[in-house]
PDB file of all heavy atoms in Angstrom:
ATOM      1  N   LYS A   1     171.852  91.669 137.326  1.00  0.00           N
ATOM      2  CA  LYS A   1     172.107  92.480 138.516  1.00  0.00           C
ATOM      3  C   LYS A   1     173.557  92.956 138.549  1.00  0.00           C
ATOM      4  O   LYS A   1     173.845  94.120 138.881  1.00  0.00           O
ATOM      5  CB  LYS A   1     171.783  91.661 139.761  1.00  0.00           C
ATOM      6  CG  LYS A   1     171.954  92.435 141.062  1.00  0.00           C
ATOM      7  CD  LYS A   1     171.548  91.579 142.254  1.00  0.00           C
ATOM      8  CE  LYS A   1     171.734  92.335 143.557  1.00  0.00           C
ATOM      9  NZ  LYS A   1     171.354  91.503 144.736  1.00  0.00           N
ATOM     10  N   LYS A   2     174.470  92.054 138.201  1.00  0.00           N
ATOM     11  CA  LYS A   2     175.888  92.426 138.196  1.00  0.00           C
ATOM     12  C   LYS A   2     176.165  93.490 137.124  1.00  0.00           C
ATOM     13  O   LYS A   2     176.890  94.471 137.372  1.00  0.00           O
ATOM     14  CB  LYS A   2     176.748  91.188 137.931  1.00  0.00           C
ATOM     15  CG  LYS A   2     176.849  90.225 139.107  1.00  0.00           C
ATOM     16  CD  LYS A   2     177.638  90.859 140.248  1.00  0.00           C
ATOM     17  CE  LYS A   2     177.860  89.863 141.369  1.00  0.00           C
ATOM     18  NZ  LYS A   2     178.634  90.464 142.486  1.00  0.00           N
ATOM     19  N   LEU A   3     175.605  93.286 135.949  1.00  0.00           N
ATOM     20  CA  LEU A   3     175.845  94.251 134.869  1.00  0.00           C
ATOM     21  C   LEU A   3     175.255  95.618 135.196  1.00  0.00           C
ATOM     22  O   LEU A   3     175.778  96.652 134.756  1.00  0.00           O
ATOM     23  CB  LEU A   3     175.260  93.738 133.558  1.00  0.00           C
ATOM     24  CG  LEU A   3     175.966  92.537 132.909  1.00  0.00           C
ATOM     25  CD1 LEU A   3     175.211  92.076 131.675  1.00  0.00           C
ATOM     26  CD2 LEU A   3     177.402  92.898 132.546  1.00  0.00           C
ATOM     27  N   GLY A   4     174.175  95.622 135.967  1.00  0.00           N
ATOM     28  CA  GLY A   4     173.561  96.894 136.325  1.00  0.00           C
ATOM     29  C   GLY A   4     174.459  97.788 137.152  1.00  0.00           C
ATOM     30  O   GLY A   4     174.291  99.015 137.171  1.00  0.00           O
ATOM     31  N   GLY A   5     175.426  97.185 137.859  1.00  0.00           N
ATOM     32  CA  GLY A   5     176.328  97.978 138.691  1.00  0.00           C
ATOM     33  C   GLY A   5     177.689  98.204 138.067  1.00  0.00           C
ATOM     34  O   GLY A   5     178.617  98.685 138.747  1.00  0.00           O
ATOM     35  N   GLU A   6     177.858  97.818 136.800  1.00  0.00           N
ATOM     36  CA  GLU A   6     179.152  97.951 136.130  1.00  0.00           C
ATOM     37  C   GLU A   6     179.132  99.090 135.115  1.00  0.00           C
ATOM     38  O   GLU A   6     178.215  99.200 134.299  1.00  0.00           O
ATOM     39  CB  GLU A   6     179.495  96.638 135.403  1.00  0.00           C
ATOM     40  CG  GLU A   6     179.772  95.463 136.310  1.00  0.00           C
ATOM     41  CD  GLU A   6     181.084  95.605 137.053  1.00  0.00           C
ATOM     42  OE1 GLU A   6     181.987  96.299 136.548  1.00  0.00           O
ATOM     43  OE2 GLU A   6     181.190  95.009 138.152  1.00  0.00           O
ATOM     44  N   ALA A   7     180.176  99.923 135.177  1.00  0.00           N
ATOM     45  CA  ALA A   7     180.296 101.006 134.205  1.00  0.00           C
ATOM     46  C   ALA A   7     180.693 100.458 132.837  1.00  0.00           C
ATOM     47  O   ALA A   7     180.220 100.927 131.798  1.00  0.00           O
ATOM     48  CB  ALA A   7     181.328 102.037 134.690  1.00  0.00           C
ATOM     49  N   ASN A   8     181.594  99.462 132.821  1.00  0.00           N
ATOM     50  CA  ASN A   8     182.049  98.862 131.565  1.00  0.00           C
ATOM     51  C   ASN A   8     181.574  97.407 131.525  1.00  0.00           C
ATOM     52  O   ASN A   8     182.220  96.499 132.033  1.00  0.00           O
ATOM     53  CB  ASN A   8     183.582  98.922 131.474  1.00  0.00           C
ATOM     54  CG  ASN A   8     184.075  98.542 130.090  1.00  0.00           C
ATOM     55  OD1 ASN A   8     183.427  97.776 129.374  1.00  0.00           O
ATOM     56  ND2 ASN A   8     185.234  99.072 129.711  1.00  0.00           N
ATOM     57  N   ARG A   9     180.420  97.194 130.928  1.00  0.00           N
ATOM     58  CA  ARG A   9     179.802  95.869 130.948  1.00  0.00           C
ATOM     59  C   ARG A   9     180.592  94.863 130.107  1.00  0.00           C
ATOM     60  O   ARG A   9     180.715  93.694 130.473  1.00  0.00           O
ATOM     61  CB  ARG A   9     178.368  95.957 130.435  1.00  0.00           C
ATOM     62  CG  ARG A   9     177.472  96.827 131.309  1.00  0.00           C
ATOM     63  CD  ARG A   9     176.067  96.864 130.777  1.00  0.00           C
ATOM     64  NE  ARG A   9     175.196  97.654 131.630  1.00  0.00           N
ATOM     65  CZ  ARG A   9     173.893  97.843 131.432  1.00  0.00           C
ATOM     66  NH1 ARG A   9     173.326  97.260 130.368  1.00  0.00           N
ATOM     67  NH2 ARG A   9     173.181  98.572 132.242  1.00  0.00           N
ATOM     68  N   VAL A  10     181.124  95.328 128.985  1.00  0.00           N
ATOM     69  CA  VAL A  10     181.882  94.422 128.119  1.00  0.00           C
ATOM     70  C   VAL A  10     183.122  93.924 128.846  1.00  0.00           C
ATOM     71  O   VAL A  10     183.486  92.734 128.780  1.00  0.00           O
ATOM     72  CB  VAL A  10     182.269  95.135 126.808  1.00  0.00           C
ATOM     73  CG1 VAL A  10     183.209  94.250 125.971  1.00  0.00           C
ATOM     74  CG2 VAL A  10     181.021  95.496 126.006  1.00  0.00           C
ATOM     75  N   ASP A  11     183.776  94.794 129.579  1.00  0.00           N
ATOM     76  CA  ASP A  11     184.961  94.393 130.338  1.00  0.00           C
ATOM     77  C   ASP A  11     184.603  93.363 131.414  1.00  0.00           C
ATOM     78  O   ASP A  11     185.326  92.385 131.612  1.00  0.00           O
ATOM     79  CB  ASP A  11     185.602  95.638 130.969  1.00  0.00           C
ATOM     80  CG  ASP A  11     186.866  95.283 131.722  1.00  0.00           C
ATOM     81  OD1 ASP A  11     187.821  94.797 131.075  1.00  0.00           O
ATOM     82  OD2 ASP A  11     186.908  95.479 132.961  1.00  0.00           O
ATOM     83  N   TRP A  12     183.487  93.575 132.080  1.00  0.00           N
ATOM     84  CA  TRP A  12     183.065  92.624 133.124  1.00  0.00           C
ATOM     85  C   TRP A  12     182.767  91.257 132.517  1.00  0.00           C
ATOM     86  O   TRP A  12     183.147  90.228 133.064  1.00  0.00           O
ATOM     87  CB  TRP A  12     181.826  93.149 133.838  1.00  0.00           C
ATOM     88  CG  TRP A  12     181.397  92.264 134.985  1.00  0.00           C
ATOM     89  CD1 TRP A  12     181.816  92.307 136.268  1.00  0.00           C
ATOM     90  CD2 TRP A  12     180.460  91.172 134.905  1.00  0.00           C
ATOM     91  NE1 TRP A  12     181.216  91.321 137.015  1.00  0.00           N
ATOM     92  CE2 TRP A  12     180.378  90.604 136.195  1.00  0.00           C
ATOM     93  CE3 TRP A  12     179.699  90.622 133.882  1.00  0.00           C
ATOM     94  CZ2 TRP A  12     179.564  89.525 136.482  1.00  0.00           C
ATOM     95  CZ3 TRP A  12     178.880  89.539 134.160  1.00  0.00           C
ATOM     96  CH2 TRP A  12     178.808  88.996 135.453  1.00  0.00           C
ATOM     97  N   LEU A  13     182.069  91.236 131.373  1.00  0.00           N
ATOM     98  CA  LEU A  13     181.778  89.974 130.704  1.00  0.00           C
ATOM     99  C   LEU A  13     183.053  89.266 130.270  1.00  0.00           C
ATOM    100  O   LEU A  13     183.163  88.036 130.340  1.00  0.00           O
ATOM    101  CB  LEU A  13     180.878  90.209 129.491  1.00  0.00           C
ATOM    102  CG  LEU A  13     179.418  90.560 129.789  1.00  0.00           C
ATOM    103  CD1 LEU A  13     178.699  90.974 128.515  1.00  0.00           C
ATOM    104  CD2 LEU A  13     178.699  89.405 130.457  1.00  0.00           C
ATOM    105  N   GLY A  14     184.048  90.030 129.849  1.00  0.00           N
ATOM    106  CA  GLY A  14     185.334  89.439 129.468  1.00  0.00           C
ATOM    107  C   GLY A  14     186.027  88.793 130.651  1.00  0.00           C
ATOM    108  O   GLY A  14     186.583  87.687 130.531  1.00  0.00           O
ATOM    109  N   ARG A  15     185.984  89.466 131.781  1.00  0.00           N
ATOM    110  CA  ARG A  15     186.620  88.894 132.986  1.00  0.00           C
ATOM    111  C   ARG A  15     185.878  87.633 133.436  1.00  0.00           C
ATOM    112  O   ARG A  15     186.489  86.660 133.876  1.00  0.00           O
ATOM    113  CB  ARG A  15     186.645  89.921 134.119  1.00  0.00           C
ATOM    114  CG  ARG A  15     187.510  91.149 133.840  1.00  0.00           C
ATOM    115  CD  ARG A  15     187.821  91.923 135.129  1.00  0.00           C
ATOM    116  NE  ARG A  15     186.635  92.216 135.913  1.00  0.00           N
ATOM    117  CZ  ARG A  15     185.893  93.314 135.771  1.00  0.00           C
ATOM    118  NH1 ARG A  15     186.198  94.207 134.820  1.00  0.00           N
ATOM    119  NH2 ARG A  15     184.840  93.525 136.530  1.00  0.00           N
ATOM    120  N   MET A  16     184.535  87.651 133.346  1.00  0.00           N
ATOM    121  CA  MET A  16     183.754  86.471 133.735  1.00  0.00           C
ATOM    122  C   MET A  16     184.062  85.292 132.812  1.00  0.00           C
ATOM    123  O   MET A  16     184.221  84.154 133.264  1.00  0.00           O
ATOM    124  CB  MET A  16     182.258  86.798 133.695  1.00  0.00           C
ATOM    125  CG  MET A  16     181.350  85.618 134.033  1.00  0.00           C
ATOM    126  SD  MET A  16     181.708  84.863 135.642  1.00  0.00           S
ATOM    127  CE  MET A  16     181.349  86.238 136.737  1.00  0.00           C
ATOM    128  N   PHE A  17     184.161  85.549 131.504  1.00  0.00           N
ATOM    129  CA  PHE A  17     184.510  84.481 130.560  1.00  0.00           C
ATOM    130  C   PHE A  17     185.884  83.904 130.893  1.00  0.00           C
ATOM    131  O   PHE A  17     186.089  82.686 130.879  1.00  0.00           O
ATOM    132  CB  PHE A  17     184.494  85.012 129.132  1.00  0.00           C
ATOM    133  CG  PHE A  17     184.998  84.015 128.128  1.00  0.00           C
ATOM    134  CD1 PHE A  17     184.190  82.986 127.679  1.00  0.00           C
ATOM    135  CD2 PHE A  17     186.307  84.078 127.660  1.00  0.00           C
ATOM    136  CE1 PHE A  17     184.660  82.057 126.768  1.00  0.00           C
ATOM    137  CE2 PHE A  17     186.793  83.150 126.750  1.00  0.00           C
ATOM    138  CZ  PHE A  17     185.957  82.138 126.295  1.00  0.00           C
ATOM    139  N   GLN A  18     186.841  84.796 131.179  1.00  0.00           N
ATOM    140  CA  GLN A  18     188.192  84.332 131.499  1.00  0.00           C
ATOM    141  C   GLN A  18     188.191  83.485 132.762  1.00  0.00           C
ATOM    142  O   GLN A  18     188.876  82.453 132.837  1.00  0.00           O
ATOM    143  CB  GLN A  18     189.123  85.537 131.662  1.00  0.00           C
ATOM    144  CG  GLN A  18     190.575  85.153 131.914  1.00  0.00           C
ATOM    145  CD  GLN A  18     191.480  86.359 132.025  1.00  0.00           C
ATOM    146  OE1 GLN A  18     191.011  87.496 132.113  1.00  0.00           O
ATOM    147  NE2 GLN A  18     192.786  86.124 132.019  1.00  0.00           N
ATOM    148  N   PHE A  19     187.393  83.895 133.745  1.00  0.00           N
ATOM    149  CA  PHE A  19     187.306  83.123 134.996  1.00  0.00           C
ATOM    150  C   PHE A  19     186.741  81.724 134.729  1.00  0.00           C
ATOM    151  O   PHE A  19     187.291  80.718 135.193  1.00  0.00           O
ATOM    152  CB  PHE A  19     186.425  83.863 136.004  1.00  0.00           C
ATOM    153  CG  PHE A  19     186.042  83.018 137.190  1.00  0.00           C
ATOM    154  CD1 PHE A  19     186.956  82.766 138.204  1.00  0.00           C
ATOM    155  CD2 PHE A  19     184.779  82.442 137.279  1.00  0.00           C
ATOM    156  CE1 PHE A  19     186.607  81.968 139.292  1.00  0.00           C
ATOM    157  CE2 PHE A  19     184.422  81.648 138.357  1.00  0.00           C
ATOM    158  CZ  PHE A  19     185.349  81.412 139.368  1.00  0.00           C
ATOM    159  N   LEU A  20     185.637  81.648 133.992  1.00  0.00           N
ATOM    160  CA  LEU A  20     185.029  80.349 133.713  1.00  0.00           C
ATOM    161  C   LEU A  20     185.948  79.470 132.879  1.00  0.00           C
ATOM    162  O   LEU A  20     186.009  78.249 133.059  1.00  0.00           O
ATOM    163  CB  LEU A  20     183.696  80.551 132.991  1.00  0.00           C
ATOM    164  CG  LEU A  20     182.573  81.208 133.802  1.00  0.00           C
ATOM    165  CD1 LEU A  20     181.363  81.461 132.919  1.00  0.00           C
ATOM    166  CD2 LEU A  20     182.182  80.359 134.998  1.00  0.00           C
ATOM    167  N   ASN A  21     186.674  80.077 131.964  1.00  0.00           N
ATOM    168  CA  ASN A  21     187.524  79.328 131.051  1.00  0.00           C
ATOM    169  C   ASN A  21     188.810  78.846 131.709  1.00  0.00           C
ATOM    170  O   ASN A  21     189.314  77.761 131.381  1.00  0.00           O
ATOM    171  CB  ASN A  21     187.854  80.192 129.833  1.00  0.00           C
ATOM    172  CG  ASN A  21     188.482  79.384 128.709  1.00  0.00           C
ATOM    173  OD1 ASN A  21     187.994  78.304 128.378  1.00  0.00           O
ATOM    174  ND2 ASN A  21     189.551  79.883 128.131  1.00  0.00           N
ATOM    175  N   GLU A  22     189.332  79.611 132.666  1.00  0.00           N
ATOM    176  CA  GLU A  22     190.656  79.311 133.207  1.00  0.00           C
ATOM    177  C   GLU A  22     190.650  78.914 134.692  1.00  0.00           C
ATOM    178  O   GLU A  22     191.569  78.217 135.133  1.00  0.00           O
ATOM    179  CB  GLU A  22     191.573  80.532 133.030  1.00  0.00           C
ATOM    180  CG  GLU A  22     191.790  80.926 131.577  1.00  0.00           C
ATOM    181  CD  GLU A  22     192.636  82.177 131.434  1.00  0.00           C
ATOM    182  OE1 GLU A  22     193.080  82.701 132.492  1.00  0.00           O
ATOM    183  OE2 GLU A  22     192.851  82.627 130.296  1.00  0.00           O
ATOM    184  N   SER A  23     189.631  79.334 135.437  1.00  0.00           N
ATOM    185  CA  SER A  23     189.694  79.143 136.895  1.00  0.00           C
ATOM    186  C   SER A  23     188.570  78.283 137.462  1.00  0.00           C
ATOM    187  O   SER A  23     188.590  77.959 138.651  1.00  0.00           O
ATOM    188  CB  SER A  23     189.665  80.515 137.593  1.00  0.00           C
ATOM    189  OG  SER A  23     190.744  81.319 137.147  1.00  0.00           O
ATOM    190  N   ALA A  24     187.564  77.953 136.670  1.00  0.00           N
ATOM    191  CA  ALA A  24     186.469  77.102 137.153  1.00  0.00           C
ATOM    192  C   ALA A  24     186.771  75.641 136.813  1.00  0.00           C
ATOM    193  O   ALA A  24     187.316  75.338 135.753  1.00  0.00           O
ATOM    194  CB  ALA A  24     185.151  77.527 136.516  1.00  0.00           C
ATOM    195  N   TYR A  25     186.444  74.744 137.717  1.00  0.00           N
ATOM    196  CA  TYR A  25     186.794  73.334 137.554  1.00  0.00           C
ATOM    197  C   TYR A  25     185.563  72.447 137.764  1.00  0.00           C
ATOM    198  O   TYR A  25     184.665  72.771 138.537  1.00  0.00           O
ATOM    199  CB  TYR A  25     187.864  72.921 138.568  1.00  0.00           C
ATOM    200  CG  TYR A  25     189.187  73.614 138.373  1.00  0.00           C
ATOM    201  CD1 TYR A  25     189.458  74.829 139.002  1.00  0.00           C
ATOM    202  CD2 TYR A  25     190.170  73.065 137.550  1.00  0.00           C
ATOM    203  CE1 TYR A  25     190.670  75.476 138.826  1.00  0.00           C
ATOM    204  CE2 TYR A  25     191.380  73.706 137.360  1.00  0.00           C
ATOM    205  CZ  TYR A  25     191.629  74.908 138.000  1.00  0.00           C
ATOM    206  OH  TYR A  25     192.830  75.548 137.815  1.00  0.00           O
TER     207      TYR A  25
END
């Protein structure tokens, strides 16, 4: 659902990976 609303899907996936890797505990 999130990817369906994103123009740049690869960029969104990169930001999600960074969030999980650096900001999720």
